[in-house]
Amino acid sequence: MFLSSRKSLALAFGLIIFYYIIGMFYKNFGESLEGLKFLSISYYFEPSNLLVNHIWEGVLSNILVLLGYSIILTLISVYIFNKRDIPV
């Protein structure tokens, strides 16, 4: 088994919080760590730019990146699910 249910839930929740922090506070990091902002989903999905500021530049590329994230994470989860021996 890859991880127990409790450990995998804690890992997933920790990653969500970690990537949220990176996406929101990447401006406070040094220039050497600023490339980490591209790993965070929160960097690509910022609805305040659309709803409040009406900034539409880069929306299509952000949607494509989020679509790529979704496809890759879905394929990884299907692969892990298929490797587990779960009686149906």
PDB file of N, CA and C in Angstrom:
ATOM      1  N   MET A   1       0.837  -1.171   0.000  1.00  0.00           N
ATOM      2  CA  MET A   1       0.000   0.000   0.000  1.00  0.00           C
ATOM      3  C   MET A   1       0.886   1.239   0.000  1.00  0.00           C
ATOM      4  N   PHE A   2       0.485   2.238  -0.753  1.00  0.00           N
ATOM      5  CA  PHE A   2       1.277   3.467  -0.890  1.00  0.00           C
ATOM      6  C   PHE A   2       1.330   4.227   0.428  1.00  0.00           C
ATOM      7  N   LEU A   3       0.219   4.652   0.936  1.00  0.00           N
ATOM      8  CA  LEU A   3       0.107   5.312   2.229  1.00  0.00           C
ATOM      9  C   LEU A   3      -1.220   4.892   2.861  1.00  0.00           C
ATOM     10  N   SER A   4      -1.272   4.942   4.177  1.00  0.00           N
ATOM     11  CA  SER A   4      -2.547   4.664   4.819  1.00  0.00           C
ATOM     12  C   SER A   4      -3.491   5.830   4.541  1.00  0.00           C
ATOM     13  N   SER A   5      -4.763   5.625   4.782  1.00  0.00           N
ATOM     14  CA  SER A   5      -5.763   6.660   4.489  1.00  0.00           C
ATOM     15  C   SER A   5      -5.496   7.931   5.282  1.00  0.00           C
ATOM     16  N   ARG A   6      -5.153   7.792   6.535  1.00  0.00           N
ATOM     17  CA  ARG A   6      -4.925   8.962   7.378  1.00  0.00           C
ATOM     18  C   ARG A   6      -3.685   9.729   6.921  1.00  0.00           C
ATOM     19  N   LYS A   7      -2.617   9.011   6.565  1.00  0.00           N
ATOM     20  CA  LYS A   7      -1.387   9.676   6.123  1.00  0.00           C
ATOM     21  C   LYS A   7      -1.584  10.357   4.772  1.00  0.00           C
ATOM     22  N   SER A   8      -2.305   9.708   3.865  1.00  0.00           N
ATOM     23  CA  SER A   8      -2.525  10.318   2.556  1.00  0.00           C
ATOM     24  C   SER A   8      -3.417  11.548   2.664  1.00  0.00           C
ATOM     25  N   LEU A   9      -4.406  11.529   3.561  1.00  0.00           N
ATOM     26  CA  LEU A   9      -5.248  12.704   3.772  1.00  0.00           C
ATOM     27  C   LEU A   9      -4.437  13.852   4.363  1.00  0.00           C
ATOM     28  N   ALA A  10      -3.586  13.550   5.328  1.00  0.00           N
ATOM     29  CA  ALA A  10      -2.740  14.589   5.927  1.00  0.00           C
ATOM     30  C   ALA A  10      -1.765  15.152   4.895  1.00  0.00           C
ATOM     31  N   LEU A  11      -1.192  14.295   4.058  1.00  0.00           N
ATOM     32  CA  LEU A  11      -0.273  14.750   3.018  1.00  0.00           C
ATOM     33  C   LEU A  11      -0.987  15.646   2.011  1.00  0.00           C
ATOM     34  N   ALA A  12      -2.168  15.248   1.569  1.00  0.00           N
ATOM     35  CA  ALA A  12      -2.918  16.047   0.598  1.00  0.00           C
ATOM     36  C   ALA A  12      -3.304  17.401   1.182  1.00  0.00           C
ATOM     37  N   PHE A  13      -3.773  17.416   2.410  1.00  0.00           N
ATOM     38  CA  PHE A  13      -4.155  18.674   3.046  1.00  0.00           C
ATOM     39  C   PHE A  13      -2.937  19.573   3.247  1.00  0.00           C
ATOM     40  N   GLY A  14      -1.825  18.992   3.639  1.00  0.00           N
ATOM     41  CA  GLY A  14      -0.595  19.759   3.803  1.00  0.00           C
ATOM     42  C   GLY A  14      -0.111  20.354   2.495  1.00  0.00           C
ATOM     43  N   LEU A  15      -0.210  19.591   1.398  1.00  0.00           N
ATOM     44  CA  LEU A  15       0.199  20.116   0.090  1.00  0.00           C
ATOM     45  C   LEU A  15      -0.695  21.256  -0.365  1.00  0.00           C
ATOM     46  N   ILE A  16      -1.991  21.139  -0.099  1.00  0.00           N
ATOM     47  CA  ILE A  16      -2.906  22.216  -0.483  1.00  0.00           C
ATOM     48  C   ILE A  16      -2.543  23.502   0.249  1.00  0.00           C
ATOM     49  N   ILE A  17      -2.308  23.399   1.544  1.00  0.00           N
ATOM     50  CA  ILE A  17      -1.944  24.587   2.321  1.00  0.00           C
ATOM     51  C   ILE A  17      -0.593  25.132   1.868  1.00  0.00           C
ATOM     52  N   PHE A  18       0.380  24.254   1.616  1.00  0.00           N
ATOM     53  CA  PHE A  18       1.705  24.679   1.168  1.00  0.00           C
ATOM     54  C   PHE A  18       1.630  25.431  -0.152  1.00  0.00           C
ATOM     55  N   TYR A  19       0.907  24.890  -1.121  1.00  0.00           N
ATOM     56  CA  TYR A  19       0.803  25.553  -2.419  1.00  0.00           C
ATOM     57  C   TYR A  19      -0.019  26.833  -2.345  1.00  0.00           C
ATOM     58  N   TYR A  20      -0.994  26.884  -1.443  1.00  0.00           N
ATOM     59  CA  TYR A  20      -1.741  28.121  -1.252  1.00  0.00           C
ATOM     60  C   TYR A  20      -0.829  29.222  -0.714  1.00  0.00           C
ATOM     61  N   ILE A  21      -0.009  28.879   0.265  1.00  0.00           N
ATOM     62  CA  ILE A  21       0.922  29.852   0.838  1.00  0.00           C
ATOM     63  C   ILE A  21       1.909  30.335  -0.215  1.00  0.00           C
ATOM     64  N   ILE A  22       2.420  29.423  -1.033  1.00  0.00           N
ATOM     65  CA  ILE A  22       3.340  29.822  -2.102  1.00  0.00           C
ATOM     66  C   ILE A  22       2.636  30.753  -3.078  1.00  0.00           C
ATOM     67  N   GLY A  23       1.398  30.414  -3.460  1.00  0.00           N
ATOM     68  CA  GLY A  23       0.673  31.230  -4.431  1.00  0.00           C
ATOM     69  C   GLY A  23       0.325  32.615  -3.923  1.00  0.00           C
ATOM     70  N   MET A  24       0.060  32.739  -2.647  1.00  0.00           N
ATOM     71  CA  MET A  24      -0.350  34.026  -2.103  1.00  0.00           C
ATOM     72  C   MET A  24       0.827  34.909  -1.677  1.00  0.00           C
ATOM     73  N   PHE A  25       1.918  34.298  -1.239  1.00  0.00           N
ATOM     74  CA  PHE A  25       3.016  35.079  -0.665  1.00  0.00           C
ATOM     75  C   PHE A  25       4.316  34.967  -1.459  1.00  0.00           C
ATOM     76  N   TYR A  26       4.234  34.623  -2.740  1.00  0.00           N
ATOM     77  CA  TYR A  26       5.467  34.466  -3.519  1.00  0.00           C
ATOM     78  C   TYR A  26       6.200  35.795  -3.697  1.00  0.00           C
ATOM     79  N   LYS A  27       5.494  36.907  -3.585  1.00  0.00           N
ATOM     80  CA  LYS A  27       6.142  38.215  -3.754  1.00  0.00           C
ATOM     81  C   LYS A  27       7.091  38.527  -2.594  1.00  0.00           C
ATOM     82  N   ASN A  28       6.854  37.893  -1.448  1.00  0.00           N
ATOM     83  CA  ASN A  28       7.699  38.136  -0.282  1.00  0.00           C
ATOM     84  C   ASN A  28       8.970  37.286  -0.281  1.00  0.00           C
ATOM     85  N   PHE A  29       9.044  36.288  -1.152  1.00  0.00           N
ATOM     86  CA  PHE A  29      10.232  35.443  -1.232  1.00  0.00           C
ATOM     87  C   PHE A  29      11.310  36.176  -2.012  1.00  0.00           C
ATOM     88  N   GLY A  30      12.515  35.699  -1.894  1.00  0.00           N
ATOM     89  CA  GLY A  30      13.606  36.279  -2.673  1.00  0.00           C
ATOM     90  C   GLY A  30      13.476  35.913  -4.140  1.00  0.00           C
ATOM     91  N   GLU A  31      14.305  36.539  -4.956  1.00  0.00           N
ATOM     92  CA  GLU A  31      14.240  36.274  -6.394  1.00  0.00           C
ATOM     93  C   GLU A  31      14.621  34.843  -6.731  1.00  0.00           C
ATOM     94  N   SER A  32      15.449  34.223  -5.916  1.00  0.00           N
ATOM     95  CA  SER A  32      15.874  32.857  -6.204  1.00  0.00           C
ATOM     96  C   SER A  32      14.733  31.861  -6.016  1.00  0.00           C
ATOM     97  N   LEU A  33      13.763  32.179  -5.156  1.00  0.00           N
ATOM     98  CA  LEU A  33      12.633  31.276  -4.910  1.00  0.00           C
ATOM     99  C   LEU A  33      11.365  31.707  -5.633  1.00  0.00           C
ATOM    100  N   GLU A  34      11.428  32.755  -6.417  1.00  0.00           N
ATOM    101  CA  GLU A  34      10.222  33.253  -7.064  1.00  0.00           C
ATOM    102  C   GLU A  34       9.695  32.294  -8.129  1.00  0.00           C
ATOM    103  N   GLY A  35      10.516  31.402  -8.631  1.00  0.00           N
ATOM    104  CA  GLY A  35      10.059  30.417  -9.606  1.00  0.00           C
ATOM    105  C   GLY A  35       9.090  29.393  -9.023  1.00  0.00           C
ATOM    106  N   LEU A  36       9.037  29.291  -7.702  1.00  0.00           N
ATOM    107  CA  LEU A  36       8.098  28.370  -7.062  1.00  0.00           C
ATOM    108  C   LEU A  36       6.644  28.769  -7.277  1.00  0.00           C
ATOM    109  N   LYS A  37       6.404  30.020  -7.599  1.00  0.00           N
ATOM    110  CA  LYS A  37       5.030  30.480  -7.770  1.00  0.00           C
ATOM    111  C   LYS A  37       4.327  29.741  -8.904  1.00  0.00           C
ATOM    112  N   PHE A  38       5.078  29.239  -9.878  1.00  0.00           N
ATOM    113  CA  PHE A  38       4.463  28.549 -11.008  1.00  0.00           C
ATOM    114  C   PHE A  38       3.979  27.153 -10.634  1.00  0.00           C
ATOM    115  N   LEU A  39       4.397  26.625  -9.485  1.00  0.00           N
ATOM    116  CA  LEU A  39       3.911  25.325  -9.025  1.00  0.00           C
ATOM    117  C   LEU A  39       2.549  25.418  -8.356  1.00  0.00           C
ATOM    118  N   SER A  40       2.189  26.589  -7.895  1.00  0.00           N
ATOM    119  CA  SER A  40       0.972  26.764  -7.112  1.00  0.00           C
ATOM    120  C   SER A  40      -0.237  26.974  -8.011  1.00  0.00           C
ATOM    121  N   ILE A  41      -1.306  26.273  -7.718  1.00  0.00           N
ATOM    122  CA  ILE A  41      -2.562  26.461  -8.446  1.00  0.00           C
ATOM    123  C   ILE A  41      -3.132  27.839  -8.114  1.00  0.00           C
ATOM    124  N   SER A  42      -2.897  28.329  -6.920  1.00  0.00           N
ATOM    125  CA  SER A  42      -3.417  29.632  -6.511  1.00  0.00           C
ATOM    126  C   SER A  42      -2.826  30.770  -7.334  1.00  0.00           C
ATOM    127  N   TYR A  43      -1.658  30.575  -7.904  1.00  0.00           N
ATOM    128  CA  TYR A  43      -1.062  31.612  -8.752  1.00  0.00           C
ATOM    129  C   TYR A  43      -1.862  31.767 -10.048  1.00  0.00           C
ATOM    130  N   TYR A  44      -2.354  30.665 -10.597  1.00  0.00           N
ATOM    131  CA  TYR A  44      -3.073  30.701 -11.866  1.00  0.00           C
ATOM    132  C   TYR A  44      -4.544  31.048 -11.691  1.00  0.00           C
ATOM    133  N   PHE A  45      -5.114  30.728 -10.545  1.00  0.00           N
ATOM    134  CA  PHE A  45      -6.524  30.979 -10.316  1.00  0.00           C
ATOM    135  C   PHE A  45      -6.670  32.109  -9.310  1.00  0.00           C
ATOM    136  N   GLU A  46      -6.861  33.306  -9.822  1.00  0.00           N
ATOM    137  CA  GLU A  46      -7.051  34.466  -8.968  1.00  0.00           C
ATOM    138  C   GLU A  46      -8.270  35.233  -9.486  1.00  0.00           C
ATOM    139  N   PRO A  47      -9.454  34.880  -8.982  1.00  0.00           N
ATOM    140  CA  PRO A  47     -10.680  35.467  -9.531  1.00  0.00           C
ATOM    141  C   PRO A  47     -10.825  36.958  -9.270  1.00  0.00           C
ATOM    142  N   SER A  48     -10.089  37.513  -8.313  1.00  0.00           N
ATOM    143  CA  SER A  48     -10.219  38.947  -8.056  1.00  0.00           C
ATOM    144  C   SER A  48      -9.759  39.779  -9.242  1.00  0.00           C
ATOM    145  N   ASN A  49      -8.790  39.283 -10.000  1.00  0.00           N
ATOM    146  CA  ASN A  49      -8.360  40.024 -11.195  1.00  0.00           C
ATOM    147  C   ASN A  49      -9.481  40.124 -12.222  1.00  0.00           C
ATOM    148  N   LEU A  50     -10.262  39.058 -12.346  1.00  0.00           N
ATOM    149  CA  LEU A  50     -11.354  39.081 -13.312  1.00  0.00           C
ATOM    150  C   LEU A  50     -12.562  39.849 -12.790  1.00  0.00           C
ATOM    151  N   LEU A  51     -12.964  39.577 -11.562  1.00  0.00           N
ATOM    152  CA  LEU A  51     -14.214  40.127 -11.051  1.00  0.00           C
ATOM    153  C   LEU A  51     -14.093  41.578 -10.591  1.00  0.00           C
ATOM    154  N   VAL A  52     -12.973  41.940  -9.997  1.00  0.00           N
ATOM    155  CA  VAL A  52     -12.832  43.285  -9.446  1.00  0.00           C
ATOM    156  C   VAL A  52     -12.081  44.205 -10.406  1.00  0.00           C
ATOM    157  N   ASN A  53     -10.933  43.750 -10.864  1.00  0.00           N
ATOM    158  CA  ASN A  53     -10.067  44.605 -11.679  1.00  0.00           C
ATOM    159  C   ASN A  53     -10.341  44.513 -13.178  1.00  0.00           C
ATOM    160  N   HIS A  54     -11.104  43.531 -13.621  1.00  0.00           N
ATOM    161  CA  HIS A  54     -11.428  43.314 -15.036  1.00  0.00           C
ATOM    162  C   HIS A  54     -10.174  43.164 -15.896  1.00  0.00           C
ATOM    163  N   ILE A  55      -9.207  42.420 -15.374  1.00  0.00           N
ATOM    164  CA  ILE A  55      -7.976  42.159 -16.122  1.00  0.00           C
ATOM    165  C   ILE A  55      -8.109  40.788 -16.775  1.00  0.00           C
ATOM    166  N   TRP A  56      -8.164  40.774 -18.103  1.00  0.00           N
ATOM    167  CA  TRP A  56      -8.371  39.531 -18.840  1.00  0.00           C
ATOM    168  C   TRP A  56      -7.098  39.007 -19.489  1.00  0.00           C
ATOM    169  N   GLU A  57      -5.995  39.696 -19.333  1.00  0.00           N
ATOM    170  CA  GLU A  57      -4.778  39.243 -20.011  1.00  0.00           C
ATOM    171  C   GLU A  57      -4.240  37.978 -19.331  1.00  0.00           C
ATOM    172  N   GLY A  58      -3.924  36.998 -20.122  1.00  0.00           N
ATOM    173  CA  GLY A  58      -3.373  35.748 -19.617  1.00  0.00           C
ATOM    174  C   GLY A  58      -4.394  34.765 -19.102  1.00  0.00           C
ATOM    175  N   VAL A  59      -5.678  35.034 -19.279  1.00  0.00           N
ATOM    176  CA  VAL A  59      -6.713  34.136 -18.755  1.00  0.00           C
ATOM    177  C   VAL A  59      -6.698  32.800 -19.501  1.00  0.00           C
ATOM    178  N   LEU A  60      -6.562  32.839 -20.806  1.00  0.00           N
ATOM    179  CA  LEU A  60      -6.569  31.598 -21.586  1.00  0.00           C
ATOM    180  C   LEU A  60      -5.381  30.710 -21.216  1.00  0.00           C
ATOM    181  N   SER A  61      -4.215  31.280 -21.068  1.00  0.00           N
ATOM    182  CA  SER A  61      -3.054  30.469 -20.697  1.00  0.00           C
ATOM    183  C   SER A  61      -3.212  29.905 -19.286  1.00  0.00           C
ATOM    184  N   ASN A  62      -3.801  30.684 -18.374  1.00  0.00           N
ATOM    185  CA  ASN A  62      -4.043  30.174 -17.023  1.00  0.00           C
ATOM    186  C   ASN A  62      -5.038  29.026 -17.036  1.00  0.00           C
ATOM    187  N   ILE A  63      -6.063  29.125 -17.865  1.00  0.00           N
ATOM    188  CA  ILE A  63      -7.039  28.035 -17.977  1.00  0.00           C
ATOM    189  C   ILE A  63      -6.372  26.787 -18.526  1.00  0.00           C
ATOM    190  N   LEU A  64      -5.497  26.951 -19.496  1.00  0.00           N
ATOM    191  CA  LEU A  64      -4.801  25.790 -20.068  1.00  0.00           C
ATOM    192  C   LEU A  64      -3.870  25.133 -19.060  1.00  0.00           C
ATOM    193  N   VAL A  65      -3.195  25.938 -18.248  1.00  0.00           N
ATOM    194  CA  VAL A  65      -2.319  25.380 -17.215  1.00  0.00           C
ATOM    195  C   VAL A  65      -3.133  24.631 -16.177  1.00  0.00           C
ATOM    196  N   LEU A  66      -4.264  25.206 -15.749  1.00  0.00           N
ATOM    197  CA  LEU A  66      -5.120  24.524 -14.782  1.00  0.00           C
ATOM    198  C   LEU A  66      -5.718  23.252 -15.369  1.00  0.00           C
ATOM    199  N   LEU A  67      -6.031  23.255 -16.647  1.00  0.00           N
ATOM    200  CA  LEU A  67      -6.515  22.046 -17.310  1.00  0.00           C
ATOM    201  C   LEU A  67      -5.418  20.980 -17.331  1.00  0.00           C
ATOM    202  N   GLY A  68      -4.185  21.400 -17.592  1.00  0.00           N
ATOM    203  CA  GLY A  68      -3.065  20.467 -17.561  1.00  0.00           C
ATOM    204  C   GLY A  68      -2.852  19.883 -16.172  1.00  0.00           C
ATOM    205  N   TYR A  69      -2.935  20.739 -15.132  1.00  0.00           N
ATOM    206  CA  TYR A  69      -2.861  20.255 -13.756  1.00  0.00           C
ATOM    207  C   TYR A  69      -3.924  19.190 -13.511  1.00  0.00           C
ATOM    208  N   SER A  70      -5.148  19.475 -13.920  1.00  0.00           N
ATOM    209  CA  SER A  70      -6.251  18.551 -13.676  1.00  0.00           C
ATOM    210  C   SER A  70      -6.036  17.217 -14.366  1.00  0.00           C
ATOM    211  N   ILE A  71      -5.594  17.253 -15.604  1.00  0.00           N
ATOM    212  CA  ILE A  71      -5.376  16.018 -16.356  1.00  0.00           C
ATOM    213  C   ILE A  71      -4.251  15.203 -15.733  1.00  0.00           C
ATOM    214  N   ILE A  72      -3.155  15.841 -15.406  1.00  0.00           N
ATOM    215  CA  ILE A  72      -2.013  15.121 -14.830  1.00  0.00           C
ATOM    216  C   ILE A  72      -2.375  14.518 -13.482  1.00  0.00           C
ATOM    217  N   LEU A  73      -3.027  15.294 -12.611  1.00  0.00           N
ATOM    218  CA  LEU A  73      -3.395  14.768 -11.296  1.00  0.00           C
ATOM    219  C   LEU A  73      -4.437  13.659 -11.394  1.00  0.00           C
ATOM    220  N   THR A  74      -5.351  13.753 -12.368  1.00  0.00           N
ATOM    221  CA  THR A  74      -6.327  12.680 -12.565  1.00  0.00           C
ATOM    222  C   THR A  74      -5.643  11.408 -13.042  1.00  0.00           C
ATOM    223  N   LEU A  75      -4.696  11.520 -13.966  1.00  0.00           N
ATOM    224  CA  LEU A  75      -3.981  10.338 -14.450  1.00  0.00           C
ATOM    225  C   LEU A  75      -3.155   9.693 -13.334  1.00  0.00           C
ATOM    226  N   ILE A  76      -2.530  10.508 -12.508  1.00  0.00           N
ATOM    227  CA  ILE A  76      -1.757   9.964 -11.386  1.00  0.00           C
ATOM    228  C   ILE A  76      -2.672   9.243 -10.403  1.00  0.00           C
ATOM    229  N   SER A  77      -3.827   9.839 -10.111  1.00  0.00           N
ATOM    230  CA  SER A  77      -4.741   9.193  -9.164  1.00  0.00           C
ATOM    231  C   SER A  77      -5.318   7.903  -9.722  1.00  0.00           C
ATOM    232  N   VAL A  78      -5.609   7.856 -11.017  1.00  0.00           N
ATOM    233  CA  VAL A  78      -6.101   6.617 -11.627  1.00  0.00           C
ATOM    234  C   VAL A  78      -5.014   5.547 -11.600  1.00  0.00           C
ATOM    235  N   TYR A  79      -3.782   5.930 -11.860  1.00  0.00           N
ATOM    236  CA  TYR A  79      -2.670   4.986 -11.820  1.00  0.00           C
ATOM    237  C   TYR A  79      -2.486   4.407 -10.413  1.00  0.00           C
ATOM    238  N   ILE A  80      -2.523   5.270  -9.407  1.00  0.00           N
ATOM    239  CA  ILE A  80      -2.381   4.792  -8.025  1.00  0.00           C
ATOM    240  C   ILE A  80      -3.557   3.914  -7.640  1.00  0.00           C
ATOM    241  N   PHE A  81      -4.760   4.287  -8.054  1.00  0.00           N
ATOM    242  CA  PHE A  81      -5.945   3.483  -7.748  1.00  0.00           C
ATOM    243  C   PHE A  81      -5.853   2.109  -8.385  1.00  0.00           C
ATOM    244  N   ASN A  82      -5.384   2.040  -9.610  1.00  0.00           N
ATOM    245  CA  ASN A  82      -5.282   0.741 -10.300  1.00  0.00           C
ATOM    246  C   ASN A  82      -4.193  -0.145  -9.708  1.00  0.00           C
ATOM    247  N   LYS A  83      -3.171   0.428  -9.113  1.00  0.00           N
ATOM    248  CA  LYS A  83      -2.108  -0.374  -8.515  1.00  0.00           C
ATOM    249  C   LYS A  83      -2.520  -0.976  -7.172  1.00  0.00           C
ATOM    250  N   ARG A  84      -3.507  -0.403  -6.520  1.00  0.00           N
ATOM    251  CA  ARG A  84      -3.966  -0.913  -5.228  1.00  0.00           C
ATOM    252  C   ARG A  84      -4.841  -2.145  -5.443  1.00  0.00           C
ATOM    253  N   ASP A  85      -4.769  -3.039  -4.519  1.00  0.00           N
ATOM    254  CA  ASP A  85      -5.565  -4.257  -4.603  1.00  0.00           C
ATOM    255  C   ASP A  85      -6.820  -4.070  -3.759  1.00  0.00           C
ATOM    256  N   ILE A  86      -7.862  -3.522  -4.403  1.00  0.00           N
ATOM    257  CA  ILE A  86      -9.101  -3.235  -3.691  1.00  0.00           C
ATOM    258  C   ILE A  86     -10.184  -4.200  -4.189  1.00  0.00           C
ATOM    259  N   PRO A  87     -10.723  -5.028  -3.288  1.00  0.00           N
ATOM    260  CA  PRO A  87     -11.793  -5.926  -3.723  1.00  0.00           C
ATOM    261  C   PRO A  87     -13.071  -5.133  -3.986  1.00  0.00           C
ATOM    262  N   VAL A  88     -13.707  -5.445  -5.088  1.00  0.00           N
ATOM    263  CA  VAL A  88     -14.938  -4.724  -5.460  1.00  0.00           C
ATOM    264  C   VAL A  88     -16.127  -5.630  -5.275  1.00  0.00           C
TER     265      VAL A  88
END
